[in-house]
Amino acid sequence: MQSEKLRLRKIQRLAYEIMDEMHKEKHRTEMHKLIPIIDNLSRAIGDLTDSVGKYSLDYVEEKVKNAHALLFNKEKVDIY
């Protein structure tokens, strides 16, 4: 299994791709498409910010991959 540091870098890369796409000069009126993307990212952030400090890297990976796939209309990406 890959190190946690490498996994976090891959999650970060996907998150940056999502951020870049969301900020492109496009007219985004497709709220039905954005809501599940935002939901997946919110869940990942919520897990990472657990006050006890326990989070599931598998869960965060899954949610960010889901958001990325929804935004780019792709099958889920394999970041391993």
Protein backbone atom coordinates (compact mmCIF):
# COMPACT_ATOMS: atom_id res chain seq x y z
CA MET A 1 0.00 0.00 0.00
CA GLN A 2 1.22 3.47 -0.78
CA SER A 3 2.38 5.83 1.86
CA GLU A 4 -0.12 8.25 3.35
CA LYS A 5 1.92 11.20 2.08
CA LEU A 6 1.72 10.00 -1.54
CA ARG A 7 -1.99 9.30 -1.24
CA LEU A 8 -2.59 12.79 0.13
CA ARG A 9 -0.62 14.34 -2.75
CA LYS A 10 -2.79 12.49 -5.26
CA ILE A 11 -5.96 13.62 -3.50
CA GLN A 12 -4.61 17.17 -3.54
CA ARG A 13 -3.93 16.95 -7.30
CA LEU A 14 -7.52 15.87 -7.96
CA ALA A 15 -8.82 18.64 -5.72
CA TYR A 16 -6.75 21.23 -7.61
CA GLU A 17 -8.07 19.93 -10.94
CA ILE A 18 -11.61 20.32 -9.59
CA MET A 19 -10.83 23.84 -8.36
CA ASP A 20 -9.32 24.85 -11.71
CA GLU A 21 -12.28 23.51 -13.65
CA MET A 22 -14.78 25.25 -11.37
CA HIS A 23 -13.02 28.60 -11.90
CA LYS A 24 -12.84 28.46 -15.69
CA GLU A 25 -14.69 31.16 -17.58
CA LYS A 26 -17.77 29.04 -18.07
CA HIS A 27 -21.39 29.75 -17.47
CA ARG A 28 -22.28 27.30 -14.71
CA THR A 29 -26.04 27.06 -14.52
CA GLU A 30 -26.08 23.31 -14.11
CA MET A 31 -26.82 23.33 -10.38
CA HIS A 32 -28.10 19.75 -10.58
CA LYS A 33 -24.56 18.77 -11.59
CA LEU A 34 -22.79 20.92 -8.99
CA ILE A 35 -24.79 19.83 -5.95
CA PRO A 36 -23.43 16.24 -5.80
CA ILE A 37 -19.89 17.51 -6.49
CA ILE A 38 -20.12 19.96 -3.60
CA ASP A 39 -21.70 17.27 -1.42
CA ASN A 40 -18.82 14.85 -2.01
CA LEU A 41 -16.20 17.51 -1.31
CA SER A 42 -18.03 18.68 1.82
CA ARG A 43 -18.11 15.15 3.17
CA ALA A 44 -14.37 14.73 2.53
CA ILE A 45 -13.60 18.01 4.31
CA GLY A 46 -15.93 17.11 7.16
CA ASP A 47 -14.11 13.84 7.69
CA LEU A 48 -10.68 15.52 7.59
CA THR A 49 -11.69 18.11 10.17
CA ASP A 50 -12.99 15.65 12.75
CA SER A 51 -12.34 17.23 16.15
CA VAL A 52 -10.94 13.98 17.51
CA GLY A 53 -8.39 13.95 14.71
CA LYS A 54 -9.41 10.60 13.32
CA TYR A 55 -10.21 10.43 9.65
CA SER A 56 -10.39 7.72 7.03
CA LEU A 57 -8.05 8.36 4.13
CA ASP A 58 -9.99 5.75 2.16
CA TYR A 59 -13.22 7.73 2.71
CA VAL A 60 -11.59 11.04 1.73
CA GLU A 61 -10.10 9.46 -1.41
CA GLU A 62 -13.45 8.02 -2.41
CA LYS A 63 -15.31 11.32 -1.98
CA VAL A 64 -12.72 13.37 -3.90
CA LYS A 65 -12.61 10.77 -6.68
CA ASN A 66 -16.41 10.85 -6.87
CA ALA A 67 -16.44 14.65 -7.14
CA HIS A 68 -13.72 14.58 -9.81
CA ALA A 69 -15.57 11.94 -11.84
CA LEU A 70 -18.85 13.86 -11.62
CA LEU A 71 -17.27 17.14 -12.72
CA PHE A 72 -15.33 15.69 -15.63
CA ASN A 73 -18.05 13.20 -16.65
CA LYS A 74 -15.64 10.29 -16.27
CA GLU A 75 -15.66 6.94 -14.69
CA LYS A 76 -14.14 7.05 -11.24
CA VAL A 77 -10.41 7.61 -11.52
CA ASP A 78 -7.98 5.16 -10.03
CA ILE A 79 -5.47 7.24 -8.12
CA TYR A 80 -3.45 4.31 -6.84
